[in-house]
Amino acid sequence: MESTRQQKIARLIQKDLSDIMLSYSRKVHGTLISVSEVRVSPDLSIAHVYLSIFPHDKVESTLEMIEQNHGAIRGEMGRLERHQLRIIPELHFHLDDTLDRMEHIDQLLSQ
């Protein structure tokens, strides 16, 4: 069960990372990167960021670009959140495949 503080930090990180990912999606033309969910550890030191990337054929290259620019993304987030957080959490990026699973379940149900 997440505390209220964890939920507030997660929403703040999600909002700021969405803005940062918008600028990164402009670098990779034709790719949409959205931050679907952020989960923060109880000690607020780690943030698990779930990303949805469209189109699906650019998922691997986009995730690789994000991992290569991990430090720059965290630095940009630190600049945006310097007045709200003392320590900027370490970011762990994950691919959110919820929509793919929902589509697969819909296909199975329709058969």
PDB file of N, CA and C in Angstrom:
ATOM      1  N   MET A   1       0.852  -1.178   0.000  1.00  0.00           N
ATOM      2  CA  MET A   1       0.000   0.000   0.000  1.00  0.00           C
ATOM      3  C   MET A   1       0.893   1.236   0.000  1.00  0.00           C
ATOM      4  N   GLU A   2       0.675   2.091  -0.969  1.00  0.00           N
ATOM      5  CA  GLU A   2       1.479   3.301  -1.075  1.00  0.00           C
ATOM      6  C   GLU A   2       0.946   4.374  -0.141  1.00  0.00           C
ATOM      7  N   SER A   3       1.863   5.103   0.450  1.00  0.00           N
ATOM      8  CA  SER A   3       1.464   6.208   1.312  1.00  0.00           C
ATOM      9  C   SER A   3       1.038   7.399   0.443  1.00  0.00           C
ATOM     10  N   THR A   4       0.416   8.354   1.077  1.00  0.00           N
ATOM     11  CA  THR A   4      -0.017   9.559   0.372  1.00  0.00           C
ATOM     12  C   THR A   4       1.187  10.297  -0.189  1.00  0.00           C
ATOM     13  N   ARG A   5       2.265  10.334   0.565  1.00  0.00           N
ATOM     14  CA  ARG A   5       3.490  11.009   0.113  1.00  0.00           C
ATOM     15  C   ARG A   5       4.047  10.330  -1.145  1.00  0.00           C
ATOM     16  N   GLN A   6       4.074   9.002  -1.164  1.00  0.00           N
ATOM     17  CA  GLN A   6       4.543   8.272  -2.338  1.00  0.00           C
ATOM     18  C   GLN A   6       3.676   8.585  -3.559  1.00  0.00           C
ATOM     19  N   GLN A   7       2.376   8.635  -3.359  1.00  0.00           N
ATOM     20  CA  GLN A   7       1.470   8.919  -4.465  1.00  0.00           C
ATOM     21  C   GLN A   7       1.678  10.331  -5.006  1.00  0.00           C
ATOM     22  N   LYS A   8       1.882  11.290  -4.124  1.00  0.00           N
ATOM     23  CA  LYS A   8       2.111  12.672  -4.559  1.00  0.00           C
ATOM     24  C   LYS A   8       3.426  12.792  -5.333  1.00  0.00           C
ATOM     25  N   ILE A   9       4.471  12.146  -4.822  1.00  0.00           N
ATOM     26  CA  ILE A   9       5.767  12.174  -5.505  1.00  0.00           C
ATOM     27  C   ILE A   9       5.652  11.498  -6.867  1.00  0.00           C
ATOM     28  N   ALA A  10       4.938  10.374  -6.923  1.00  0.00           N
ATOM     29  CA  ALA A  10       4.766   9.653  -8.187  1.00  0.00           C
ATOM     30  C   ALA A  10       4.042  10.518  -9.218  1.00  0.00           C
ATOM     31  N   ARG A  11       2.999  11.231  -8.798  1.00  0.00           N
ATOM     32  CA  ARG A  11       2.275  12.112  -9.731  1.00  0.00           C
ATOM     33  C   ARG A  11       3.161  13.256 -10.204  1.00  0.00           C
ATOM     34  N   LEU A  12       3.968  13.813  -9.303  1.00  0.00           N
ATOM     35  CA  LEU A  12       4.877  14.896  -9.671  1.00  0.00           C
ATOM     36  C   LEU A  12       5.910  14.412 -10.686  1.00  0.00           C
ATOM     37  N   ILE A  13       6.489  13.248 -10.434  1.00  0.00           N
ATOM     38  CA  ILE A  13       7.478  12.684 -11.349  1.00  0.00           C
ATOM     39  C   ILE A  13       6.836  12.369 -12.694  1.00  0.00           C
ATOM     40  N   GLN A  14       5.633  11.803 -12.671  1.00  0.00           N
ATOM     41  CA  GLN A  14       4.947  11.466 -13.913  1.00  0.00           C
ATOM     42  C   GLN A  14       4.694  12.713 -14.766  1.00  0.00           C
ATOM     43  N   LYS A  15       4.261  13.784 -14.125  1.00  0.00           N
ATOM     44  CA  LYS A  15       3.991  15.026 -14.854  1.00  0.00           C
ATOM     45  C   LYS A  15       5.262  15.586 -15.470  1.00  0.00           C
ATOM     46  N   ASP A  16       6.332  15.667 -14.673  1.00  0.00           N
ATOM     47  CA  ASP A  16       7.579  16.235 -15.175  1.00  0.00           C
ATOM     48  C   ASP A  16       8.237  15.344 -16.229  1.00  0.00           C
ATOM     49  N   LEU A  17       8.199  14.029 -16.019  1.00  0.00           N
ATOM     50  CA  LEU A  17       8.781  13.128 -17.012  1.00  0.00           C
ATOM     51  C   LEU A  17       7.983  13.143 -18.319  1.00  0.00           C
ATOM     52  N   SER A  18       6.684  13.370 -18.233  1.00  0.00           N
ATOM     53  CA  SER A  18       5.884  13.475 -19.455  1.00  0.00           C
ATOM     54  C   SER A  18       6.365  14.646 -20.303  1.00  0.00           C
ATOM     55  N   ASP A  19       6.655  15.774 -19.660  1.00  0.00           N
ATOM     56  CA  ASP A  19       7.177  16.933 -20.385  1.00  0.00           C
ATOM     57  C   ASP A  19       8.554  16.636 -20.983  1.00  0.00           C
ATOM     58  N   ILE A  20       9.396  15.952 -20.220  1.00  0.00           N
ATOM     59  CA  ILE A  20      10.731  15.617 -20.707  1.00  0.00           C
ATOM     60  C   ILE A  20      10.648  14.642 -21.872  1.00  0.00           C
ATOM     61  N   MET A  21       9.772  13.636 -21.762  1.00  0.00           N
ATOM     62  CA  MET A  21       9.624  12.646 -22.830  1.00  0.00           C
ATOM     63  C   MET A  21       9.050  13.272 -24.101  1.00  0.00           C
ATOM     64  N   LEU A  22       8.260  14.313 -23.949  1.00  0.00           N
ATOM     65  CA  LEU A  22       7.742  15.022 -25.117  1.00  0.00           C
ATOM     66  C   LEU A  22       8.896  15.612 -25.924  1.00  0.00           C
ATOM     67  N   SER A  23       9.870  16.188 -25.231  1.00  0.00           N
ATOM     68  CA  SER A  23      11.022  16.748 -25.943  1.00  0.00           C
ATOM     69  C   SER A  23      11.869  15.638 -26.567  1.00  0.00           C
ATOM     70  N   TYR A  24      11.986  14.480 -25.900  1.00  0.00           N
ATOM     71  CA  TYR A  24      12.746  13.370 -26.465  1.00  0.00           C
ATOM     72  C   TYR A  24      12.015  12.744 -27.649  1.00  0.00           C
ATOM     73  N   SER A  25      10.688  12.740 -27.623  1.00  0.00           N
ATOM     74  CA  SER A  25       9.947  12.168 -28.748  1.00  0.00           C
ATOM     75  C   SER A  25      10.079  13.043 -29.986  1.00  0.00           C
ATOM     76  N   ARG A  26      10.363  14.323 -29.802  1.00  0.00           N
ATOM     77  CA  ARG A  26      10.612  15.199 -30.947  1.00  0.00           C
ATOM     78  C   ARG A  26      11.944  14.852 -31.616  1.00  0.00           C
ATOM     79  N   LYS A  27      12.901  14.347 -30.836  1.00  0.00           N
ATOM     80  CA  LYS A  27      14.191  13.939 -31.401  1.00  0.00           C
ATOM     81  C   LYS A  27      14.039  12.696 -32.263  1.00  0.00           C
ATOM     82  N   VAL A  28      13.140  11.798 -31.862  1.00  0.00           N
ATOM     83  CA  VAL A  28      12.876  10.577 -32.617  1.00  0.00           C
ATOM     84  C   VAL A  28      11.573  10.819 -33.375  1.00  0.00           C
ATOM     85  N   HIS A  29      11.694  11.253 -34.609  1.00  0.00           N
ATOM     86  CA  HIS A  29      10.518  11.655 -35.383  1.00  0.00           C
ATOM     87  C   HIS A  29       9.552  10.487 -35.574  1.00  0.00           C
ATOM     88  N   GLY A  30       8.272  10.788 -35.399  1.00  0.00           N
ATOM     89  CA  GLY A  30       7.239   9.790 -35.608  1.00  0.00           C
ATOM     90  C   GLY A  30       7.037   8.843 -34.449  1.00  0.00           C
ATOM     91  N   THR A  31       7.584   9.157 -33.286  1.00  0.00           N
ATOM     92  CA  THR A  31       7.456   8.291 -32.117  1.00  0.00           C
ATOM     93  C   THR A  31       6.750   9.048 -31.004  1.00  0.00           C
ATOM     94  N   LEU A  32       5.805   8.382 -30.367  1.00  0.00           N
ATOM     95  CA  LEU A  32       5.094   8.953 -29.236  1.00  0.00           C
ATOM     96  C   LEU A  32       5.512   8.197 -27.985  1.00  0.00           C
ATOM     97  N   ILE A  33       6.010   8.931 -27.003  1.00  0.00           N
ATOM     98  CA  ILE A  33       6.432   8.340 -25.728  1.00  0.00           C
ATOM     99  C   ILE A  33       5.536   8.924 -24.647  1.00  0.00           C
ATOM    100  N   SER A  34       4.807   8.054 -23.954  1.00  0.00           N
ATOM    101  CA  SER A  34       3.967   8.539 -22.863  1.00  0.00           C
ATOM    102  C   SER A  34       4.327   7.796 -21.579  1.00  0.00           C
ATOM    103  N   VAL A  35       4.241   8.508 -20.477  1.00  0.00           N
ATOM    104  CA  VAL A  35       4.524   7.936 -19.160  1.00  0.00           C
ATOM    105  C   VAL A  35       3.189   7.473 -18.592  1.00  0.00           C
ATOM    106  N   SER A  36       2.979   6.161 -18.580  1.00  0.00           N
ATOM    107  CA  SER A  36       1.675   5.644 -18.166  1.00  0.00           C
ATOM    108  C   SER A  36       1.548   5.511 -16.652  1.00  0.00           C
ATOM    109  N   GLU A  37       2.662   5.235 -15.966  1.00  0.00           N
ATOM    110  CA  GLU A  37       2.584   5.067 -14.511  1.00  0.00           C
ATOM    111  C   GLU A  37       3.968   5.246 -13.902  1.00  0.00           C
ATOM    112  N   VAL A  38       3.985   5.732 -12.676  1.00  0.00           N
ATOM    113  CA  VAL A  38       5.223   5.842 -11.900  1.00  0.00           C
ATOM    114  C   VAL A  38       4.943   5.267 -10.522  1.00  0.00           C
ATOM    115  N   ARG A  39       5.830   4.389 -10.076  1.00  0.00           N
ATOM    116  CA  ARG A  39       5.741   3.833  -8.720  1.00  0.00           C
ATOM    117  C   ARG A  39       7.020   4.185  -7.983  1.00  0.00           C
ATOM    118  N   VAL A  40       6.862   4.730  -6.793  1.00  0.00           N
ATOM    119  CA  VAL A  40       8.000   5.183  -6.000  1.00  0.00           C
ATOM    120  C   VAL A  40       8.178   4.251  -4.810  1.00  0.00           C
ATOM    121  N   SER A  41       9.434   3.927  -4.498  1.00  0.00           N
ATOM    122  CA  SER A  41       9.727   3.062  -3.358  1.00  0.00           C
ATOM    123  C   SER A  41       9.382   3.787  -2.058  1.00  0.00           C
ATOM    124  N   PRO A  42       9.163   3.047  -0.967  1.00  0.00           N
ATOM    125  CA  PRO A  42       8.791   3.683   0.312  1.00  0.00           C
ATOM    126  C   PRO A  42       9.800   4.705   0.818  1.00  0.00           C
ATOM    127  N   ASP A  43      11.093   4.510   0.523  1.00  0.00           N
ATOM    128  CA  ASP A  43      12.090   5.484   0.975  1.00  0.00           C
ATOM    129  C   ASP A  43      12.312   6.600  -0.051  1.00  0.00           C
ATOM    130  N   LEU A  44      11.526   6.630  -1.119  1.00  0.00           N
ATOM    131  CA  LEU A  44      11.535   7.664  -2.159  1.00  0.00           C
ATOM    132  C   LEU A  44      12.858   7.737  -2.918  1.00  0.00           C
ATOM    133  N   SER A  45      13.641   6.661  -2.915  1.00  0.00           N
ATOM    134  CA  SER A  45      14.939   6.687  -3.585  1.00  0.00           C
ATOM    135  C   SER A  45      14.905   6.095  -4.993  1.00  0.00           C
ATOM    136  N   ILE A  46      13.883   5.300  -5.299  1.00  0.00           N
ATOM    137  CA  ILE A  46      13.782   4.647  -6.603  1.00  0.00           C
ATOM    138  C   ILE A  46      12.394   4.894  -7.177  1.00  0.00           C
ATOM    139  N   ALA A  47      12.359   5.259  -8.447  1.00  0.00           N
ATOM    140  CA  ALA A  47      11.094   5.443  -9.152  1.00  0.00           C
ATOM    141  C   ALA A  47      11.069   4.504 -10.349  1.00  0.00           C
ATOM    142  N   HIS A  48      10.070   3.635 -10.393  1.00  0.00           N
ATOM    143  CA  HIS A  48       9.872   2.746 -11.525  1.00  0.00           C
ATOM    144  C   HIS A  48       8.919   3.453 -12.488  1.00  0.00           C
ATOM    145  N   VAL A  49       9.415   3.738 -13.691  1.00  0.00           N
ATOM    146  CA  VAL A  49       8.674   4.506 -14.680  1.00  0.00           C
ATOM    147  C   VAL A  49       8.239   3.565 -15.793  1.00  0.00           C
ATOM    148  N   TYR A  50       6.923   3.512 -16.050  1.00  0.00           N
ATOM    149  CA  TYR A  50       6.370   2.656 -17.087  1.00  0.00           C
ATOM    150  C   TYR A  50       6.025   3.512 -18.294  1.00  0.00           C
ATOM    151  N   LEU A  51       6.636   3.163 -19.440  1.00  0.00           N
ATOM    152  CA  LEU A  51       6.494   3.942 -20.660  1.00  0.00           C
ATOM    153  C   LEU A  51       5.687   3.179 -21.703  1.00  0.00           C
ATOM    154  N   SER A  52       4.839   3.904 -22.420  1.00  0.00           N
ATOM    155  CA  SER A  52       4.161   3.380 -23.599  1.00  0.00           C
ATOM    156  C   SER A  52       4.772   4.062 -24.807  1.00  0.00           C
ATOM    157  N   ILE A  53       5.199   3.265 -25.776  1.00  0.00           N
ATOM    158  CA  ILE A  53       5.884   3.804 -26.950  1.00  0.00           C
ATOM    159  C   ILE A  53       5.127   3.354 -28.198  1.00  0.00           C
ATOM    160  N   PHE A  54       4.816   4.319 -29.047  1.00  0.00           N
ATOM    161  CA  PHE A  54       4.123   4.043 -30.303  1.00  0.00           C
ATOM    162  C   PHE A  54       4.917   4.653 -31.431  1.00  0.00           C
ATOM    163  N   PRO A  55       5.069   4.069 -32.565  1.00  0.00           N
ATOM    164  CA  PRO A  55       4.611   2.754 -32.993  1.00  0.00           C
ATOM    165  C   PRO A  55       5.484   1.644 -32.407  1.00  0.00           C
ATOM    166  N   HIS A  56       4.974   0.435 -32.487  1.00  0.00           N
ATOM    167  CA  HIS A  56       5.629  -0.702 -31.840  1.00  0.00           C
ATOM    168  C   HIS A  56       6.950  -1.085 -32.488  1.00  0.00           C
ATOM    169  N   ASP A  57       7.150  -0.734 -33.755  1.00  0.00           N
ATOM    170  CA  ASP A  57       8.398  -1.122 -34.410  1.00  0.00           C
ATOM    171  C   ASP A  57       9.591  -0.285 -33.949  1.00  0.00           C
ATOM    172  N   LYS A  58       9.343   0.814 -33.235  1.00  0.00           N
ATOM    173  CA  LYS A  58      10.438   1.654 -32.747  1.00  0.00           C
ATOM    174  C   LYS A  58      10.662   1.527 -31.243  1.00  0.00           C
ATOM    175  N   VAL A  59      10.067   0.525 -30.624  1.00  0.00           N
ATOM    176  CA  VAL A  59      10.159   0.365 -29.169  1.00  0.00           C
ATOM    177  C   VAL A  59      11.601   0.135 -28.724  1.00  0.00           C
ATOM    178  N   GLU A  60      12.286  -0.801 -29.361  1.00  0.00           N
ATOM    179  CA  GLU A  60      13.646  -1.152 -28.938  1.00  0.00           C
ATOM    180  C   GLU A  60      14.600   0.031 -29.073  1.00  0.00           C
ATOM    181  N   SER A  61      14.568   0.701 -30.213  1.00  0.00           N
ATOM    182  CA  SER A  61      15.494   1.817 -30.428  1.00  0.00           C
ATOM    183  C   SER A  61      15.181   2.984 -29.492  1.00  0.00           C
ATOM    184  N   THR A  62      13.901   3.217 -29.224  1.00  0.00           N
ATOM    185  CA  THR A  62      13.520   4.316 -28.337  1.00  0.00           C
ATOM    186  C   THR A  62      13.932   4.024 -26.897  1.00  0.00           C
ATOM    187  N   LEU A  63      13.701   2.803 -26.433  1.00  0.00           N
ATOM    188  CA  LEU A  63      14.129   2.427 -25.078  1.00  0.00           C
ATOM    189  C   LEU A  63      15.644   2.512 -24.939  1.00  0.00           C
ATOM    190  N   GLU A  64      16.358   2.125 -25.973  1.00  0.00           N
ATOM    191  CA  GLU A  64      17.813   2.210 -25.947  1.00  0.00           C
ATOM    192  C   GLU A  64      18.268   3.670 -25.848  1.00  0.00           C
ATOM    193  N   MET A  65      17.602   4.562 -26.602  1.00  0.00           N
ATOM    194  CA  MET A  65      17.931   5.981 -26.547  1.00  0.00           C
ATOM    195  C   MET A  65      17.654   6.552 -25.158  1.00  0.00           C
ATOM    196  N   ILE A  66      16.552   6.138 -24.548  1.00  0.00           N
ATOM    197  CA  ILE A  66      16.210   6.618 -23.213  1.00  0.00           C
ATOM    198  C   ILE A  66      17.225   6.126 -22.190  1.00  0.00           C
ATOM    199  N   GLU A  67      17.635   4.870 -22.286  1.00  0.00           N
ATOM    200  CA  GLU A  67      18.638   4.331 -21.354  1.00  0.00           C
ATOM    201  C   GLU A  67      19.991   5.017 -21.528  1.00  0.00           C
ATOM    202  N   GLN A  68      20.358   5.351 -22.766  1.00  0.00           N
ATOM    203  CA  GLN A  68      21.623   6.042 -23.007  1.00  0.00           C
ATOM    204  C   GLN A  68      21.601   7.451 -22.420  1.00  0.00           C
ATOM    205  N   ASN A  69      20.434   8.092 -22.419  1.00  0.00           N
ATOM    206  CA  ASN A  69      20.297   9.454 -21.910  1.00  0.00           C
ATOM    207  C   ASN A  69      19.731   9.483 -20.490  1.00  0.00           C
ATOM    208  N   HIS A  70      19.881   8.391 -19.764  1.00  0.00           N
ATOM    209  CA  HIS A  70      19.330   8.249 -18.426  1.00  0.00           C
ATOM    210  C   HIS A  70      19.794   9.380 -17.500  1.00  0.00           C
ATOM    211  N   GLY A  71      21.083   9.667 -17.512  1.00  0.00           N
ATOM    212  CA  GLY A  71      21.627  10.711 -16.640  1.00  0.00           C
ATOM    213  C   GLY A  71      21.102  12.088 -16.982  1.00  0.00           C
ATOM    214  N   ALA A  72      20.984  12.373 -18.271  1.00  0.00           N
ATOM    215  CA  ALA A  72      20.462  13.672 -18.702  1.00  0.00           C
ATOM    216  C   ALA A  72      18.994  13.829 -18.325  1.00  0.00           C
ATOM    217  N   ILE A  73      18.239  12.750 -18.428  1.00  0.00           N
ATOM    218  CA  ILE A  73      16.814  12.791 -18.062  1.00  0.00           C
ATOM    219  C   ILE A  73      16.679  13.040 -16.566  1.00  0.00           C
ATOM    220  N   ARG A  74      17.479  12.347 -15.771  1.00  0.00           N
ATOM    221  CA  ARG A  74      17.430  12.546 -14.315  1.00  0.00           C
ATOM    222  C   ARG A  74      17.873  13.959 -13.940  1.00  0.00           C
ATOM    223  N   GLY A  75      18.885  14.476 -14.639  1.00  0.00           N
ATOM    224  CA  GLY A  75      19.338  15.841 -14.393  1.00  0.00           C
ATOM    225  C   GLY A  75      18.273  16.870 -14.732  1.00  0.00           C
ATOM    226  N   GLU A  76      17.584  16.658 -15.845  1.00  0.00           N
ATOM    227  CA  GLU A  76      16.499  17.562 -16.234  1.00  0.00           C
ATOM    228  C   GLU A  76      15.359  17.499 -15.215  1.00  0.00           C
ATOM    229  N   MET A  77      15.060  16.284 -14.751  1.00  0.00           N
ATOM    230  CA  MET A  77      14.030  16.132 -13.736  1.00  0.00           C
ATOM    231  C   MET A  77      14.452  16.826 -12.435  1.00  0.00           C
ATOM    232  N   GLY A  78      15.723  16.731 -12.087  1.00  0.00           N
ATOM    233  CA  GLY A  78      16.227  17.402 -10.894  1.00  0.00           C
ATOM    234  C   GLY A  78      16.107  18.910 -10.993  1.00  0.00           C
ATOM    235  N   ARG A  79      16.337  19.434 -12.180  1.00  0.00           N
ATOM    236  CA  ARG A  79      16.198  20.874 -12.380  1.00  0.00           C
ATOM    237  C   ARG A  79      14.744  21.310 -12.212  1.00  0.00           C
ATOM    238  N   LEU A  80      13.808  20.488 -12.699  1.00  0.00           N
ATOM    239  CA  LEU A  80      12.387  20.828 -12.596  1.00  0.00           C
ATOM    240  C   LEU A  80      11.853  20.683 -11.173  1.00  0.00           C
ATOM    241  N   GLU A  81      12.382  19.732 -10.424  1.00  0.00           N
ATOM    242  CA  GLU A  81      11.830  19.407  -9.103  1.00  0.00           C
ATOM    243  C   GLU A  81      12.727  19.840  -7.949  1.00  0.00           C
ATOM    244  N   ARG A  82      13.659  20.723  -8.193  1.00  0.00           N
ATOM    245  CA  ARG A  82      14.629  21.075  -7.161  1.00  0.00           C
ATOM    246  C   ARG A  82      14.001  21.722  -5.936  1.00  0.00           C
ATOM    247  N   HIS A  83      12.832  22.329  -6.077  1.00  0.00           N
ATOM    248  CA  HIS A  83      12.192  22.974  -4.933  1.00  0.00           C
ATOM    249  C   HIS A  83      11.209  22.049  -4.208  1.00  0.00           C
ATOM    250  N   GLN A  84      10.846  20.919  -4.826  1.00  0.00           N
ATOM    251  CA  GLN A  84       9.909  20.001  -4.195  1.00  0.00           C
ATOM    252  C   GLN A  84      10.589  18.809  -3.516  1.00  0.00           C
ATOM    253  N   LEU A  85      11.721  18.365  -4.066  1.00  0.00           N
ATOM    254  CA  LEU A  85      12.385  17.167  -3.547  1.00  0.00           C
ATOM    255  C   LEU A  85      13.818  17.468  -3.158  1.00  0.00           C
ATOM    256  N   ARG A  86      14.262  16.869  -2.044  1.00  0.00           N
ATOM    257  CA  ARG A  86      15.662  17.020  -1.648  1.00  0.00           C
ATOM    258  C   ARG A  86      16.553  16.106  -2.481  1.00  0.00           C
ATOM    259  N   ILE A  87      16.100  14.867  -2.656  1.00  0.00           N
ATOM    260  CA  ILE A  87      16.871  13.876  -3.409  1.00  0.00           C
ATOM    261  C   ILE A  87      16.027  13.420  -4.592  1.00  0.00           C
ATOM    262  N   ILE A  88      16.606  13.471  -5.773  1.00  0.00           N
ATOM    263  CA  ILE A  88      15.915  13.012  -6.977  1.00  0.00           C
ATOM    264  C   ILE A  88      16.056  11.496  -7.039  1.00  0.00           C
ATOM    265  N   PRO A  89      14.938  10.774  -7.144  1.00  0.00           N
ATOM    266  CA  PRO A  89      15.016   9.314  -7.143  1.00  0.00           C
ATOM    267  C   PRO A  89      15.733   8.761  -8.376  1.00  0.00           C
ATOM    268  N   GLU A  90      16.324   7.595  -8.199  1.00  0.00           N
ATOM    269  CA  GLU A  90      16.937   6.884  -9.315  1.00  0.00           C
ATOM    270  C   GLU A  90      15.808   6.365 -10.199  1.00  0.00           C
ATOM    271  N   LEU A  91      15.960   6.495 -11.497  1.00  0.00           N
ATOM    272  CA  LEU A  91      14.892   6.121 -12.427  1.00  0.00           C
ATOM    273  C   LEU A  91      15.169   4.754 -13.034  1.00  0.00           C
ATOM    274  N   HIS A  92      14.152   3.898 -13.003  1.00  0.00           N
ATOM    275  CA  HIS A  92      14.199   2.597 -13.664  1.00  0.00           C
ATOM    276  C   HIS A  92      13.072   2.584 -14.686  1.00  0.00           C
ATOM    277  N   PHE A  93      13.431   2.489 -15.969  1.00  0.00           N
ATOM    278  CA  PHE A  93      12.432   2.535 -17.036  1.00  0.00           C
ATOM    279  C   PHE A  93      11.995   1.134 -17.412  1.00  0.00           C
ATOM    280  N   HIS A  94      10.666   0.976 -17.584  1.00  0.00           N
ATOM    281  CA  HIS A  94      10.073  -0.294 -17.989  1.00  0.00           C
ATOM    282  C   HIS A  94       9.092  -0.027 -19.112  1.00  0.00           C
ATOM    283  N   LEU A  95       8.921  -1.018 -19.968  1.00  0.00           N
ATOM    284  CA  LEU A  95       7.947  -0.909 -21.043  1.00  0.00           C
ATOM    285  C   LEU A  95       6.579  -1.329 -20.511  1.00  0.00           C
ATOM    286  N   ASP A  96       5.581  -0.495 -20.714  1.00  0.00           N
ATOM    287  CA  ASP A  96       4.216  -0.802 -20.285  1.00  0.00           C
ATOM    288  C   ASP A  96       3.501  -1.492 -21.436  1.00  0.00           C
ATOM    289  N   ASP A  97       3.219  -2.777 -21.267  1.00  0.00           N
ATOM    290  CA  ASP A  97       2.565  -3.537 -22.336  1.00  0.00           C
ATOM    291  C   ASP A  97       1.104  -3.842 -22.007  1.00  0.00           C
ATOM    292  N   THR A  98       0.488  -3.012 -21.196  1.00  0.00           N
ATOM    293  CA  THR A  98      -0.900  -3.214 -20.796  1.00  0.00           C
ATOM    294  C   THR A  98      -1.838  -3.200 -22.000  1.00  0.00           C
ATOM    295  N   LEU A  99      -1.635  -2.257 -22.915  1.00  0.00           N
ATOM    296  CA  LEU A  99      -2.508  -2.170 -24.083  1.00  0.00           C
ATOM    297  C   LEU A  99      -2.382  -3.394 -24.976  1.00  0.00           C
ATOM    298  N   ASP A 100      -1.177  -3.930 -25.107  1.00  0.00           N
ATOM    299  CA  ASP A 100      -0.979  -5.143 -25.897  1.00  0.00           C
ATOM    300  C   ASP A 100      -1.701  -6.331 -25.268  1.00  0.00           C
ATOM    301  N   ARG A 101      -1.614  -6.436 -23.941  1.00  0.00           N
ATOM    302  CA  ARG A 101      -2.306  -7.530 -23.256  1.00  0.00           C
ATOM    303  C   ARG A 101      -3.814  -7.396 -23.366  1.00  0.00           C
ATOM    304  N   MET A 102      -4.322  -6.155 -23.274  1.00  0.00           N
ATOM    305  CA  MET A 102      -5.766  -5.943 -23.413  1.00  0.00           C
ATOM    306  C   MET A 102      -6.240  -6.326 -24.812  1.00  0.00           C
ATOM    307  N   GLU A 103      -5.479  -5.967 -25.811  1.00  0.00           N
ATOM    308  CA  GLU A 103      -5.832  -6.304 -27.191  1.00  0.00           C
ATOM    309  C   GLU A 103      -5.825  -7.812 -27.391  1.00  0.00           C
ATOM    310  N   HIS A 104      -4.822  -8.482 -26.818  1.00  0.00           N
ATOM    311  CA  HIS A 104      -4.740  -9.933 -26.931  1.00  0.00           C
ATOM    312  C   HIS A 104      -5.941 -10.605 -26.248  1.00  0.00           C
ATOM    313  N   ILE A 105      -6.328 -10.110 -25.087  1.00  0.00           N
ATOM    314  CA  ILE A 105      -7.489 -10.677 -24.380  1.00  0.00           C
ATOM    315  C   ILE A 105      -8.767 -10.451 -25.183  1.00  0.00           C
ATOM    316  N   ASP A 106      -8.915  -9.270 -25.781  1.00  0.00           N
ATOM    317  CA  ASP A 106     -10.082  -8.987 -26.616  1.00  0.00           C
ATOM    318  C   ASP A 106     -10.141  -9.937 -27.815  1.00  0.00           C
ATOM    319  N   GLN A 107      -8.986 -10.211 -28.413  1.00  0.00           N
ATOM    320  CA  GLN A 107      -8.948 -11.151 -29.535  1.00  0.00           C
ATOM    321  C   GLN A 107      -9.353 -12.552 -29.095  1.00  0.00           C
ATOM    322  N   LEU A 108      -8.866 -12.964 -27.931  1.00  0.00           N
ATOM    323  CA  LEU A 108      -9.217 -14.292 -27.433  1.00  0.00           C
ATOM    324  C   LEU A 108     -10.712 -14.393 -27.108  1.00  0.00           C
ATOM    325  N   LEU A 109     -11.272 -13.335 -26.551  1.00  0.00           N
ATOM    326  CA  LEU A 109     -12.687 -13.352 -26.211  1.00  0.00           C
ATOM    327  C   LEU A 109     -13.581 -13.322 -27.443  1.00  0.00           C
ATOM    328  N   SER A 110     -13.121 -12.686 -28.493  1.00  0.00           N
ATOM    329  CA  SER A 110     -13.934 -12.609 -29.699  1.00  0.00           C
ATOM    330  C   SER A 110     -13.925 -13.916 -30.500  1.00  0.00           C
ATOM    331  N   GLN A 111     -12.968 -14.790 -30.209  1.00  0.00           N
ATOM    332  CA  GLN A 111     -12.885 -16.071 -30.957  1.00  0.00           C
ATOM    333  C   GLN A 111     -13.891 -17.064 -30.465  1.00  0.00           C
TER     334      GLN A 111
END
